[in-house]
């Protein structure tokens, strides 16, 4: 998945990683599929998962709990700084922790989800549009604006309205602005640039209308 790529991923650097369904088809069609993607995201950002996630689920409960506790202590391929799962695409803001951590994580995540989706829907073939896209985040300003862009995706795409954003389960926004805890998300880097979660929330929501305007014209500037 990471072959023939111009960008070189360097440890400690942050990247915006995204991909969408082939032919822009939906990759999530029900709540269970979103949930499975969440499970895979939390499982495969660990550097050395002992078995595939499907085999992990086949283990007895006690073994699963023991493995899960061990994986919490293990080294991670990436820090997941922010993310959002959308009906036909996903966004991640990732900081690489180990060599090739980002391509390995994204490959494991998308391949495992494709196998799950294909089995469930009795289909074959790829789900995503080739090699995932990635852009280096080069400044603190880009970092905070990217986090806002990712978190506003469900609103500017008119999936939900602004008031419902806090309840959107498929992004890291809740972790950023409330007491909700997600051990797989590292919000410290972004939130360190704001005095409080409340101020960050205002930073995001103050941009809703501008984000909608950009969404309305993005077909004019993007392929």
N, C-alpha and C. Protein backbone atom coordinates (compact mmCIF):
# COMPACT_ATOMS: atom_id res chain seq x y z
N UNK A 1 0.81 -1.21 0.00
CA UNK A 1 0.00 0.00 0.00
C UNK A 1 0.85 1.27 0.00
N UNK A 2 2.04 1.17 0.58
CA UNK A 2 2.87 2.36 0.70
C UNK A 2 3.95 2.44 -0.38
N UNK A 3 3.82 1.65 -1.45
CA UNK A 3 4.82 1.66 -2.51
C UNK A 3 4.56 2.80 -3.48
N UNK A 4 5.63 3.17 -4.24
CA UNK A 4 5.52 4.22 -5.26
C UNK A 4 5.01 5.54 -4.67
N UNK A 5 5.43 5.85 -3.46
CA UNK A 5 4.97 7.06 -2.79
C UNK A 5 6.11 8.09 -2.77
N UNK A 6 5.79 9.33 -3.09
CA UNK A 6 6.81 10.37 -3.11
C UNK A 6 7.15 10.86 -1.71
N UNK A 7 6.19 10.93 -0.83
CA UNK A 7 6.42 11.43 0.51
C UNK A 7 7.19 10.41 1.34
N UNK A 8 8.13 10.90 2.14
CA UNK A 8 8.88 10.05 3.06
C UNK A 8 8.42 10.36 4.47
N UNK A 9 7.99 9.35 5.19
CA UNK A 9 7.49 9.54 6.55
C UNK A 9 8.66 9.51 7.54
N UNK A 10 8.77 10.55 8.34
CA UNK A 10 9.85 10.67 9.32
C UNK A 10 9.30 10.58 10.73
N UNK A 11 10.04 9.95 11.60
CA UNK A 11 9.60 9.80 12.98
C UNK A 11 9.47 11.16 13.66
N UNK A 12 8.46 11.28 14.51
CA UNK A 12 8.13 12.48 15.30
C UNK A 12 7.40 13.55 14.49
N UNK A 13 7.33 13.40 13.18
CA UNK A 13 6.60 14.38 12.36
C UNK A 13 5.13 13.99 12.27
N UNK A 14 4.31 15.00 11.98
CA UNK A 14 2.85 14.83 11.93
C UNK A 14 2.37 14.92 10.49
N UNK A 15 1.41 14.06 10.15
CA UNK A 15 0.89 13.99 8.78
C UNK A 15 -0.63 13.90 8.79
N UNK A 16 -1.23 14.51 7.79
CA UNK A 16 -2.66 14.33 7.53
C UNK A 16 -2.79 13.17 6.56
N UNK A 17 -3.48 12.13 6.98
CA UNK A 17 -3.63 10.91 6.19
C UNK A 17 -5.11 10.71 5.88
N UNK A 18 -5.44 10.45 4.63
CA UNK A 18 -6.86 10.29 4.28
C UNK A 18 -7.01 9.40 3.06
N UNK A 19 -8.17 8.79 2.97
CA UNK A 19 -8.52 7.99 1.79
C UNK A 19 -10.03 7.84 1.75
N UNK A 20 -10.55 7.46 0.59
CA UNK A 20 -11.99 7.32 0.45
C UNK A 20 -12.31 6.04 -0.31
N UNK A 21 -13.58 5.69 -0.29
CA UNK A 21 -14.02 4.48 -0.95
C UNK A 21 -13.84 4.56 -2.45
N UNK A 22 -13.55 3.43 -3.07
CA UNK A 22 -13.38 3.37 -4.51
C UNK A 22 -14.68 3.83 -5.19
N UNK A 23 -14.54 4.65 -6.23
CA UNK A 23 -15.69 5.26 -6.90
C UNK A 23 -16.54 6.09 -5.94
N UNK A 24 -15.91 6.52 -4.84
CA UNK A 24 -16.58 7.33 -3.81
C UNK A 24 -17.76 6.61 -3.17
N UNK A 25 -17.71 5.29 -3.18
CA UNK A 25 -18.77 4.51 -2.54
C UNK A 25 -18.63 4.59 -1.03
N UNK A 26 -19.74 4.36 -0.34
CA UNK A 26 -19.70 4.34 1.12
C UNK A 26 -18.88 3.16 1.62
N UNK A 27 -18.05 3.42 2.60
CA UNK A 27 -17.28 2.35 3.23
C UNK A 27 -17.89 1.95 4.57
N UNK A 28 -18.78 2.79 5.08
CA UNK A 28 -19.52 2.47 6.31
C UNK A 28 -21.01 2.59 6.01
N UNK A 29 -21.73 1.49 6.17
CA UNK A 29 -23.15 1.48 5.82
C UNK A 29 -24.06 1.28 7.02
N UNK A 30 -23.49 0.97 8.18
CA UNK A 30 -24.30 0.85 9.39
C UNK A 30 -23.41 1.07 10.61
N UNK A 31 -24.03 1.13 11.79
CA UNK A 31 -23.29 1.44 13.01
C UNK A 31 -22.27 0.37 13.35
N UNK A 32 -22.59 -0.88 13.04
CA UNK A 32 -21.65 -1.95 13.36
C UNK A 32 -20.36 -1.81 12.56
N UNK A 33 -20.46 -1.32 11.35
CA UNK A 33 -19.25 -1.14 10.54
C UNK A 33 -18.39 0.00 11.08
N UNK A 34 -19.02 1.08 11.51
CA UNK A 34 -18.26 2.14 12.17
C UNK A 34 -17.57 1.60 13.42
N UNK A 35 -18.31 0.82 14.20
CA UNK A 35 -17.75 0.26 15.44
C UNK A 35 -16.56 -0.65 15.15
N UNK A 36 -16.68 -1.46 14.10
CA UNK A 36 -15.57 -2.35 13.75
C UNK A 36 -14.34 -1.53 13.37
N UNK A 37 -14.53 -0.46 12.62
CA UNK A 37 -13.41 0.40 12.25
C UNK A 37 -12.75 1.00 13.49
N UNK A 38 -13.56 1.39 14.47
CA UNK A 38 -13.00 1.91 15.72
C UNK A 38 -12.16 0.85 16.41
N UNK A 39 -12.66 -0.36 16.46
CA UNK A 39 -11.92 -1.45 17.10
C UNK A 39 -10.59 -1.69 16.39
N UNK A 40 -10.62 -1.68 15.07
CA UNK A 40 -9.40 -1.90 14.29
C UNK A 40 -8.41 -0.76 14.47
N UNK A 41 -8.91 0.45 14.52
CA UNK A 41 -8.04 1.62 14.75
C UNK A 41 -7.28 1.47 16.07
N UNK A 42 -7.98 1.07 17.11
CA UNK A 42 -7.37 0.94 18.44
C UNK A 42 -6.44 -0.27 18.53
N UNK A 43 -6.71 -1.28 17.73
CA UNK A 43 -5.91 -2.51 17.78
C UNK A 43 -4.61 -2.36 16.98
N UNK A 44 -4.70 -1.79 15.80
CA UNK A 44 -3.56 -1.81 14.89
C UNK A 44 -2.62 -0.63 15.03
N UNK A 45 -2.91 0.33 15.92
CA UNK A 45 -1.90 1.37 16.11
C UNK A 45 -0.80 0.90 17.06
N UNK A 46 -0.99 -0.28 17.65
CA UNK A 46 0.08 -0.92 18.42
C UNK A 46 1.12 -1.49 17.47
N UNK A 47 2.37 -1.47 17.90
CA UNK A 47 3.46 -1.84 17.00
C UNK A 47 3.45 -3.32 16.64
N UNK A 48 3.17 -4.18 17.60
CA UNK A 48 3.26 -5.62 17.33
C UNK A 48 2.04 -6.36 17.89
N UNK A 49 0.87 -6.19 17.27
CA UNK A 49 -0.28 -7.00 17.72
C UNK A 49 0.04 -8.47 17.54
N UNK A 50 -0.29 -9.31 18.52
CA UNK A 50 0.14 -10.71 18.50
C UNK A 50 -0.48 -11.53 17.38
N UNK A 51 -1.72 -11.22 17.03
CA UNK A 51 -2.42 -11.95 15.97
C UNK A 51 -3.30 -10.95 15.23
N UNK A 52 -3.89 -11.38 14.13
CA UNK A 52 -4.84 -10.52 13.43
C UNK A 52 -6.04 -10.26 14.34
N UNK A 53 -6.76 -9.17 14.07
CA UNK A 53 -7.89 -8.83 14.94
C UNK A 53 -8.98 -9.89 14.88
N UNK A 54 -9.21 -10.47 13.72
CA UNK A 54 -10.24 -11.51 13.61
C UNK A 54 -9.88 -12.72 14.47
N UNK A 55 -8.59 -13.08 14.53
CA UNK A 55 -8.17 -14.19 15.38
C UNK A 55 -8.22 -13.80 16.86
N UNK A 56 -7.92 -12.55 17.14
CA UNK A 56 -8.02 -12.04 18.51
C UNK A 56 -9.44 -12.22 19.05
N UNK A 57 -10.44 -11.94 18.21
CA UNK A 57 -11.83 -12.05 18.64
C UNK A 57 -12.24 -13.49 18.91
N UNK A 58 -11.51 -14.44 18.36
CA UNK A 58 -11.84 -15.86 18.55
C UNK A 58 -11.31 -16.41 19.88
N UNK A 59 -10.46 -15.64 20.55
CA UNK A 59 -9.89 -16.10 21.82
C UNK A 59 -10.92 -16.01 22.94
N UNK A 60 -10.69 -16.76 24.01
CA UNK A 60 -11.55 -16.68 25.18
C UNK A 60 -11.46 -15.28 25.80
N UNK A 61 -12.51 -14.89 26.49
CA UNK A 61 -12.59 -13.54 27.04
C UNK A 61 -11.40 -13.21 27.92
N UNK A 62 -10.99 -14.15 28.77
CA UNK A 62 -9.88 -13.89 29.69
C UNK A 62 -8.59 -13.62 28.92
N UNK A 63 -8.38 -14.37 27.85
CA UNK A 63 -7.18 -14.17 27.03
C UNK A 63 -7.23 -12.83 26.32
N UNK A 64 -8.41 -12.48 25.80
CA UNK A 64 -8.55 -11.18 25.12
C UNK A 64 -8.23 -10.04 26.08
N UNK A 65 -8.73 -10.13 27.29
CA UNK A 65 -8.50 -9.07 28.27
C UNK A 65 -7.02 -8.97 28.63
N UNK A 66 -6.37 -10.11 28.75
CA UNK A 66 -4.94 -10.11 29.07
C UNK A 66 -4.12 -9.50 27.94
N UNK A 67 -4.45 -9.89 26.71
CA UNK A 67 -3.76 -9.34 25.54
C UNK A 67 -3.99 -7.84 25.42
N UNK A 68 -5.23 -7.42 25.65
CA UNK A 68 -5.56 -6.00 25.54
C UNK A 68 -4.77 -5.17 26.55
N UNK A 69 -4.63 -5.68 27.76
CA UNK A 69 -3.86 -4.96 28.78
C UNK A 69 -2.39 -4.87 28.40
N UNK A 70 -1.86 -5.95 27.85
CA UNK A 70 -0.47 -5.94 27.42
C UNK A 70 -0.26 -4.95 26.28
N UNK A 71 -1.19 -4.91 25.35
CA UNK A 71 -1.05 -4.02 24.20
C UNK A 71 -1.10 -2.55 24.61
N UNK A 72 -1.82 -2.24 25.69
CA UNK A 72 -1.84 -0.87 26.18
C UNK A 72 -0.46 -0.41 26.60
N UNK A 73 0.35 -1.35 27.07
CA UNK A 73 1.70 -1.02 27.53
C UNK A 73 2.73 -1.05 26.40
N UNK A 74 2.39 -1.67 25.30
CA UNK A 74 3.34 -1.85 24.20
C UNK A 74 3.58 -0.55 23.44
N UNK A 75 4.69 -0.53 22.70
CA UNK A 75 5.01 0.61 21.86
C UNK A 75 3.97 0.76 20.76
N UNK A 76 3.72 2.01 20.37
CA UNK A 76 2.73 2.30 19.34
C UNK A 76 3.42 2.72 18.05
N UNK A 77 2.86 2.30 16.93
CA UNK A 77 3.37 2.71 15.62
C UNK A 77 3.25 4.21 15.42
N UNK A 78 2.13 4.75 15.88
CA UNK A 78 1.80 6.17 15.67
C UNK A 78 1.10 6.71 16.91
N UNK A 79 1.13 8.02 17.05
CA UNK A 79 0.21 8.71 17.93
C UNK A 79 -0.97 9.17 17.07
N UNK A 80 -2.17 8.79 17.46
CA UNK A 80 -3.36 9.26 16.76
C UNK A 80 -3.75 10.58 17.41
N UNK A 81 -3.46 11.68 16.74
CA UNK A 81 -3.73 13.01 17.30
C UNK A 81 -5.17 13.43 17.08
N UNK A 82 -5.74 13.03 15.97
CA UNK A 82 -7.15 13.32 15.67
C UNK A 82 -7.58 12.39 14.54
N UNK A 83 -8.90 12.17 14.46
CA UNK A 83 -9.41 11.32 13.38
C UNK A 83 -10.89 11.61 13.18
N UNK A 84 -11.39 11.21 12.03
CA UNK A 84 -12.83 11.25 11.76
C UNK A 84 -13.16 10.20 10.72
N UNK A 85 -14.16 9.39 11.03
CA UNK A 85 -14.68 8.40 10.08
C UNK A 85 -15.96 8.96 9.47
N UNK A 86 -16.00 8.99 8.15
CA UNK A 86 -17.15 9.51 7.42
C UNK A 86 -17.73 8.41 6.54
N UNK A 87 -18.96 8.58 6.04
CA UNK A 87 -19.58 7.48 5.28
C UNK A 87 -18.72 6.92 4.15
N UNK A 88 -18.01 7.79 3.41
CA UNK A 88 -17.24 7.28 2.28
C UNK A 88 -15.74 7.60 2.34
N UNK A 89 -15.26 8.09 3.49
CA UNK A 89 -13.83 8.36 3.62
C UNK A 89 -13.43 8.47 5.09
N UNK A 90 -12.13 8.57 5.31
CA UNK A 90 -11.64 8.77 6.68
C UNK A 90 -10.50 9.78 6.67
N UNK A 91 -10.30 10.41 7.82
CA UNK A 91 -9.17 11.32 8.05
C UNK A 91 -8.45 10.89 9.32
N UNK A 92 -7.12 10.91 9.28
CA UNK A 92 -6.31 10.74 10.47
C UNK A 92 -5.26 11.85 10.51
N UNK A 93 -4.99 12.35 11.69
CA UNK A 93 -3.80 13.18 11.92
C UNK A 93 -2.86 12.33 12.77
N UNK A 94 -1.74 11.92 12.19
CA UNK A 94 -0.87 10.92 12.81
C UNK A 94 0.54 11.46 13.00
N UNK A 95 1.10 11.14 14.15
CA UNK A 95 2.51 11.41 14.42
C UNK A 95 3.25 10.07 14.42
N UNK A 96 4.24 9.93 13.56
CA UNK A 96 4.92 8.64 13.44
C UNK A 96 5.88 8.42 14.61
N UNK A 97 5.80 7.23 15.21
CA UNK A 97 6.66 6.88 16.34
C UNK A 97 7.81 5.96 15.97
N UNK A 98 7.62 5.12 14.96
CA UNK A 98 8.67 4.17 14.57
C UNK A 98 8.75 4.12 13.06
N UNK A 99 9.87 3.64 12.55
CA UNK A 99 10.09 3.61 11.11
C UNK A 99 8.93 2.93 10.38
N UNK A 100 8.41 3.60 9.37
CA UNK A 100 7.30 3.13 8.54
C UNK A 100 6.02 2.93 9.36
N UNK A 101 5.95 3.57 10.50
CA UNK A 101 4.79 3.40 11.37
C UNK A 101 3.48 3.79 10.72
N UNK A 102 3.48 4.91 9.99
CA UNK A 102 2.23 5.37 9.36
C UNK A 102 1.77 4.42 8.26
N UNK A 103 2.62 4.09 7.28
CA UNK A 103 2.13 3.16 6.25
C UNK A 103 1.74 1.79 6.79
N UNK A 104 2.45 1.31 7.82
CA UNK A 104 2.09 0.02 8.39
C UNK A 104 0.73 0.10 9.07
N UNK A 105 0.51 1.15 9.86
CA UNK A 105 -0.77 1.31 10.55
C UNK A 105 -1.92 1.42 9.55
N UNK A 106 -1.78 2.30 8.56
CA UNK A 106 -2.88 2.51 7.61
C UNK A 106 -3.14 1.24 6.80
N UNK A 107 -2.08 0.56 6.41
CA UNK A 107 -2.24 -0.69 5.66
C UNK A 107 -2.97 -1.73 6.49
N UNK A 108 -2.54 -1.92 7.73
CA UNK A 108 -3.20 -2.91 8.60
C UNK A 108 -4.66 -2.56 8.83
N UNK A 109 -4.92 -1.28 9.08
CA UNK A 109 -6.28 -0.81 9.34
C UNK A 109 -7.19 -1.02 8.12
N UNK A 110 -6.75 -0.56 6.96
CA UNK A 110 -7.61 -0.64 5.77
C UNK A 110 -7.74 -2.08 5.26
N UNK A 111 -6.66 -2.85 5.32
CA UNK A 111 -6.75 -4.24 4.86
C UNK A 111 -7.67 -5.06 5.75
N UNK A 112 -7.55 -4.87 7.06
CA UNK A 112 -8.41 -5.62 7.98
C UNK A 112 -9.87 -5.21 7.80
N UNK A 113 -10.11 -3.90 7.62
CA UNK A 113 -11.49 -3.46 7.44
C UNK A 113 -12.05 -3.96 6.11
N UNK A 114 -11.24 -3.97 5.06
CA UNK A 114 -11.69 -4.48 3.76
C UNK A 114 -12.08 -5.94 3.86
N UNK A 115 -11.27 -6.75 4.54
CA UNK A 115 -11.61 -8.17 4.71
C UNK A 115 -12.93 -8.33 5.45
N UNK A 116 -13.11 -7.54 6.51
CA UNK A 116 -14.36 -7.60 7.28
C UNK A 116 -15.55 -7.20 6.41
N UNK A 117 -15.44 -6.09 5.70
CA UNK A 117 -16.54 -5.58 4.89
C UNK A 117 -16.87 -6.54 3.76
N UNK A 118 -15.84 -7.05 3.09
CA UNK A 118 -16.06 -7.97 1.97
C UNK A 118 -16.72 -9.26 2.43
N UNK A 119 -16.30 -9.78 3.57
CA UNK A 119 -16.91 -11.00 4.10
C UNK A 119 -18.38 -10.75 4.44
N UNK A 120 -18.63 -9.64 5.09
CA UNK A 120 -20.00 -9.31 5.50
C UNK A 120 -20.93 -9.14 4.31
N UNK A 121 -20.44 -8.50 3.26
CA UNK A 121 -21.29 -8.17 2.11
C UNK A 121 -21.10 -9.12 0.93
N UNK A 122 -20.34 -10.18 1.16
CA UNK A 122 -20.10 -11.20 0.13
C UNK A 122 -19.61 -10.56 -1.17
N UNK A 123 -18.59 -9.74 -1.04
CA UNK A 123 -18.00 -9.07 -2.20
C UNK A 123 -16.50 -9.36 -2.21
N UNK A 124 -15.85 -9.01 -3.31
CA UNK A 124 -14.40 -9.16 -3.43
C UNK A 124 -13.81 -7.88 -3.98
N UNK A 125 -12.49 -7.76 -3.88
CA UNK A 125 -11.82 -6.62 -4.47
C UNK A 125 -11.55 -5.50 -3.49
N UNK A 126 -10.85 -4.47 -3.96
CA UNK A 126 -10.47 -3.36 -3.08
C UNK A 126 -11.67 -2.50 -2.69
N UNK A 127 -11.51 -1.79 -1.58
CA UNK A 127 -12.54 -0.86 -1.12
C UNK A 127 -12.11 0.59 -1.25
N UNK A 128 -10.79 0.81 -1.23
CA UNK A 128 -10.27 2.17 -1.16
C UNK A 128 -9.56 2.57 -2.45
N UNK A 129 -9.44 3.87 -2.66
CA UNK A 129 -8.86 4.42 -3.89
C UNK A 129 -7.34 4.35 -3.87
N UNK A 130 -6.81 3.17 -4.03
CA UNK A 130 -5.36 3.01 -4.17
C UNK A 130 -4.59 3.43 -2.94
N UNK A 131 -3.39 3.98 -3.18
CA UNK A 131 -2.52 4.40 -2.08
C UNK A 131 -3.15 5.57 -1.35
N UNK A 132 -3.14 5.49 -0.02
CA UNK A 132 -3.72 6.58 0.76
C UNK A 132 -2.94 7.88 0.53
N UNK A 133 -3.62 9.00 0.72
CA UNK A 133 -3.00 10.31 0.56
C UNK A 133 -2.41 10.76 1.89
N UNK A 134 -1.32 11.50 1.83
CA UNK A 134 -0.69 11.99 3.05
C UNK A 134 -0.03 13.34 2.78
N UNK A 135 -0.16 14.24 3.76
CA UNK A 135 0.42 15.58 3.66
C UNK A 135 1.14 15.88 4.97
N UNK A 136 2.36 16.37 4.88
CA UNK A 136 3.14 16.75 6.06
C UNK A 136 2.56 18.01 6.68
N UNK A 137 2.41 18.01 8.00
CA UNK A 137 2.01 19.20 8.74
C UNK A 137 3.28 19.94 9.13
N UNK A 138 3.43 21.18 8.67
CA UNK A 138 4.71 21.88 8.77
C UNK A 138 4.76 22.96 9.83
N UNK A 139 3.66 23.27 10.50
CA UNK A 139 3.70 24.33 11.50
C UNK A 139 2.61 24.09 12.55
N UNK A 140 2.75 24.77 13.68
CA UNK A 140 1.72 24.69 14.71
C UNK A 140 0.39 25.22 14.21
N UNK A 141 0.44 26.26 13.38
CA UNK A 141 -0.79 26.82 12.83
C UNK A 141 -1.51 25.78 11.97
N UNK A 142 -0.76 25.09 11.13
CA UNK A 142 -1.37 24.03 10.32
C UNK A 142 -1.94 22.93 11.21
N UNK A 143 -1.24 22.62 12.28
CA UNK A 143 -1.66 21.55 13.18
C UNK A 143 -3.04 21.83 13.76
N UNK A 144 -3.24 23.02 14.32
CA UNK A 144 -4.52 23.32 14.96
C UNK A 144 -5.63 23.47 13.93
N UNK A 145 -5.31 24.06 12.78
CA UNK A 145 -6.34 24.22 11.76
C UNK A 145 -6.73 22.86 11.16
N UNK A 146 -5.77 21.96 11.03
CA UNK A 146 -6.09 20.62 10.53
C UNK A 146 -6.98 19.88 11.51
N UNK A 147 -6.69 20.00 12.80
CA UNK A 147 -7.55 19.33 13.79
C UNK A 147 -8.97 19.85 13.68
N UNK A 148 -9.13 21.15 13.49
CA UNK A 148 -10.46 21.73 13.34
C UNK A 148 -11.13 21.22 12.06
N UNK A 149 -10.39 21.19 10.97
CA UNK A 149 -10.93 20.69 9.70
C UNK A 149 -11.43 19.26 9.85
N UNK A 150 -10.63 18.41 10.48
CA UNK A 150 -11.01 17.01 10.66
C UNK A 150 -12.26 16.90 11.52
N UNK A 151 -12.30 17.64 12.61
CA UNK A 151 -13.43 17.53 13.53
C UNK A 151 -14.72 18.12 12.97
N UNK A 152 -14.60 19.07 12.04
CA UNK A 152 -15.81 19.68 11.46
C UNK A 152 -16.36 18.91 10.27
N UNK A 153 -15.66 17.89 9.82
CA UNK A 153 -16.09 17.16 8.63
C UNK A 153 -17.56 16.74 8.65
N UNK A 154 -18.08 16.16 9.73
CA UNK A 154 -19.48 15.73 9.71
C UNK A 154 -20.47 16.88 9.57
N UNK A 155 -20.09 18.07 10.06
CA UNK A 155 -20.98 19.23 10.00
C UNK A 155 -20.94 19.87 8.62
N UNK A 156 -19.74 20.13 8.11
CA UNK A 156 -19.65 20.81 6.81
C UNK A 156 -20.14 19.91 5.68
N UNK A 157 -20.15 18.60 5.91
CA UNK A 157 -20.69 17.67 4.92
C UNK A 157 -22.19 17.44 5.09
N UNK A 158 -22.78 18.14 6.07
CA UNK A 158 -24.24 18.10 6.32
C UNK A 158 -24.74 16.73 6.75
N UNK A 159 -23.87 15.93 7.36
CA UNK A 159 -24.31 14.66 7.94
C UNK A 159 -25.05 14.92 9.24
N UNK A 160 -24.54 15.88 9.99
CA UNK A 160 -25.16 16.29 11.25
C UNK A 160 -25.13 17.81 11.30
N UNK A 161 -25.85 18.39 12.26
CA UNK A 161 -25.75 19.83 12.45
C UNK A 161 -24.76 20.15 13.57
N UNK A 162 -24.49 21.40 13.73
CA UNK A 162 -23.48 21.85 14.69
C UNK A 162 -23.76 21.36 16.11
N UNK A 163 -25.02 21.40 16.52
CA UNK A 163 -25.38 21.00 17.88
C UNK A 163 -25.15 19.52 18.14
N UNK A 164 -25.12 18.72 17.09
CA UNK A 164 -24.96 17.27 17.24
C UNK A 164 -23.50 16.83 17.23
N UNK A 165 -22.59 17.75 16.95
CA UNK A 165 -21.19 17.37 16.78
C UNK A 165 -20.62 16.73 18.04
N UNK A 166 -21.00 17.23 19.20
CA UNK A 166 -20.47 16.70 20.45
C UNK A 166 -20.85 15.24 20.66
N UNK A 167 -21.91 14.79 19.99
CA UNK A 167 -22.37 13.40 20.13
C UNK A 167 -21.93 12.50 18.97
N UNK A 168 -21.13 13.04 18.05
CA UNK A 168 -20.67 12.22 16.93
C UNK A 168 -19.61 11.24 17.43
N UNK A 169 -19.95 9.95 17.37
CA UNK A 169 -19.11 8.92 18.00
C UNK A 169 -17.88 8.56 17.19
N UNK A 170 -17.84 8.95 15.94
CA UNK A 170 -16.83 8.39 15.03
C UNK A 170 -15.69 9.37 14.76
N UNK A 171 -15.42 10.24 15.70
CA UNK A 171 -14.28 11.14 15.60
C UNK A 171 -13.69 11.36 16.99
N UNK A 172 -12.58 12.07 17.02
CA UNK A 172 -11.91 12.36 18.29
C UNK A 172 -12.43 13.63 18.95
N UNK A 173 -13.43 14.27 18.37
CA UNK A 173 -13.90 15.57 18.88
C UNK A 173 -14.36 15.48 20.33
N UNK A 174 -15.12 14.46 20.69
CA UNK A 174 -15.58 14.31 22.07
C UNK A 174 -14.41 14.30 23.04
N UNK A 175 -13.35 13.61 22.68
CA UNK A 175 -12.17 13.51 23.53
C UNK A 175 -11.53 14.89 23.73
N UNK A 176 -11.63 15.74 22.74
CA UNK A 176 -11.01 17.06 22.79
C UNK A 176 -11.79 18.06 23.64
N UNK A 177 -13.11 17.97 23.64
CA UNK A 177 -13.91 19.06 24.22
C UNK A 177 -14.74 18.65 25.42
N UNK A 178 -14.67 17.39 25.84
CA UNK A 178 -15.47 16.94 26.98
C UNK A 178 -14.63 16.05 27.88
N UNK A 179 -15.28 15.43 28.85
CA UNK A 179 -14.58 14.52 29.76
C UNK A 179 -14.48 13.11 29.20
N UNK A 180 -14.97 12.89 27.99
CA UNK A 180 -14.87 11.57 27.37
C UNK A 180 -13.40 11.19 27.22
N UNK A 181 -13.09 9.95 27.51
CA UNK A 181 -11.70 9.48 27.47
C UNK A 181 -11.54 8.41 26.39
N UNK A 182 -10.55 8.60 25.55
CA UNK A 182 -10.18 7.61 24.54
C UNK A 182 -8.67 7.44 24.64
N UNK A 183 -8.24 6.33 25.22
CA UNK A 183 -6.81 6.11 25.45
C UNK A 183 -6.01 6.01 24.16
N UNK A 184 -6.69 5.80 23.04
CA UNK A 184 -5.98 5.67 21.77
C UNK A 184 -5.74 7.02 21.10
N UNK A 185 -6.28 8.08 21.65
CA UNK A 185 -6.13 9.42 21.07
C UNK A 185 -5.22 10.26 21.96
N UNK A 186 -4.26 10.92 21.34
CA UNK A 186 -3.35 11.82 22.06
C UNK A 186 -3.66 13.25 21.64
N UNK A 187 -4.40 13.95 22.47
CA UNK A 187 -4.81 15.31 22.15
C UNK A 187 -3.88 16.36 22.74
N UNK A 188 -2.85 15.93 23.46
CA UNK A 188 -2.02 16.87 24.22
C UNK A 188 -1.33 17.90 23.32
N UNK A 189 -0.83 17.47 22.17
CA UNK A 189 -0.08 18.37 21.31
C UNK A 189 -0.94 19.53 20.84
N UNK A 190 -2.16 19.24 20.42
CA UNK A 190 -3.05 20.30 19.94
C UNK A 190 -3.58 21.13 21.11
N UNK A 191 -4.06 20.48 22.15
CA UNK A 191 -4.67 21.21 23.26
C UNK A 191 -3.66 22.04 24.05
N UNK A 192 -2.37 21.72 23.93
CA UNK A 192 -1.35 22.52 24.62
C UNK A 192 -1.29 23.94 24.07
N UNK A 193 -1.90 24.16 22.92
CA UNK A 193 -1.89 25.48 22.29
C UNK A 193 -3.13 26.29 22.65
N UNK A 194 -3.97 25.74 23.53
CA UNK A 194 -5.17 26.42 23.99
C UNK A 194 -5.20 26.39 25.52
N UNK A 195 -5.80 27.39 26.12
CA UNK A 195 -5.83 27.47 27.58
C UNK A 195 -6.78 26.46 28.19
N UNK A 196 -7.77 26.00 27.43
CA UNK A 196 -8.74 25.04 27.96
C UNK A 196 -9.43 24.32 26.82
N UNK A 197 -10.11 23.22 27.16
CA UNK A 197 -10.92 22.52 26.17
C UNK A 197 -12.04 23.41 25.67
N UNK A 198 -12.57 24.24 26.56
CA UNK A 198 -13.67 25.14 26.19
C UNK A 198 -13.22 26.12 25.10
N UNK A 199 -12.02 26.64 25.22
CA UNK A 199 -11.51 27.57 24.21
C UNK A 199 -11.28 26.85 22.89
N UNK A 200 -10.78 25.61 22.96
CA UNK A 200 -10.62 24.84 21.72
C UNK A 200 -11.98 24.60 21.06
N UNK A 201 -12.99 24.29 21.85
CA UNK A 201 -14.33 24.07 21.30
C UNK A 201 -14.81 25.31 20.56
N UNK A 202 -14.59 26.48 21.15
CA UNK A 202 -14.97 27.72 20.47
C UNK A 202 -14.20 27.92 19.18
N UNK A 203 -12.92 27.58 19.20
CA UNK A 203 -12.08 27.67 18.00
C UNK A 203 -12.65 26.83 16.87
N UNK A 204 -13.15 25.65 17.19
CA UNK A 204 -13.74 24.77 16.18
C UNK A 204 -15.07 25.30 15.69
N UNK A 205 -15.97 25.59 16.61
CA UNK A 205 -17.34 25.95 16.23
C UNK A 205 -17.44 27.31 15.57
N UNK A 206 -16.52 28.20 15.86
CA UNK A 206 -16.54 29.52 15.23
C UNK A 206 -16.27 29.44 13.73
N UNK A 207 -15.83 28.28 13.27
CA UNK A 207 -15.41 28.12 11.87
C UNK A 207 -16.43 27.35 11.04
N UNK A 208 -17.58 27.03 11.63
CA UNK A 208 -18.54 26.16 10.95
C UNK A 208 -19.01 26.74 9.62
N UNK A 209 -19.46 27.98 9.62
CA UNK A 209 -20.02 28.57 8.40
C UNK A 209 -18.97 28.70 7.31
N UNK A 210 -17.75 29.08 7.69
CA UNK A 210 -16.68 29.17 6.71
C UNK A 210 -16.37 27.80 6.13
N UNK A 211 -16.38 26.78 6.99
CA UNK A 211 -16.14 25.42 6.53
C UNK A 211 -17.19 24.97 5.54
N UNK A 212 -18.44 25.34 5.76
CA UNK A 212 -19.51 24.97 4.84
C UNK A 212 -19.32 25.64 3.48
N UNK A 213 -18.85 26.88 3.48
CA UNK A 213 -18.61 27.57 2.21
C UNK A 213 -17.49 26.88 1.43
N UNK A 214 -16.45 26.46 2.12
CA UNK A 214 -15.37 25.74 1.45
C UNK A 214 -15.86 24.42 0.89
N UNK A 215 -16.70 23.73 1.64
CA UNK A 215 -17.24 22.45 1.19
C UNK A 215 -18.05 22.63 -0.09
N UNK A 216 -18.77 23.74 -0.18
CA UNK A 216 -19.64 23.97 -1.33
C UNK A 216 -18.87 24.20 -2.63
N UNK A 217 -17.62 24.67 -2.51
CA UNK A 217 -16.86 24.97 -3.73
C UNK A 217 -15.65 24.05 -3.91
N UNK A 218 -15.48 23.04 -3.05
CA UNK A 218 -14.25 22.25 -3.12
C UNK A 218 -14.13 21.50 -4.45
N UNK A 219 -15.27 21.21 -5.10
CA UNK A 219 -15.20 20.52 -6.39
C UNK A 219 -14.54 21.39 -7.45
N UNK A 220 -14.45 22.69 -7.20
CA UNK A 220 -13.82 23.59 -8.16
C UNK A 220 -12.30 23.58 -8.05
N UNK A 221 -11.79 23.12 -6.90
CA UNK A 221 -10.35 23.20 -6.68
C UNK A 221 -9.71 21.85 -6.42
N UNK A 222 -10.51 20.80 -6.23
CA UNK A 222 -9.98 19.48 -5.96
C UNK A 222 -10.39 18.52 -7.05
N UNK A 223 -9.53 17.57 -7.36
CA UNK A 223 -9.88 16.54 -8.34
C UNK A 223 -10.82 15.53 -7.72
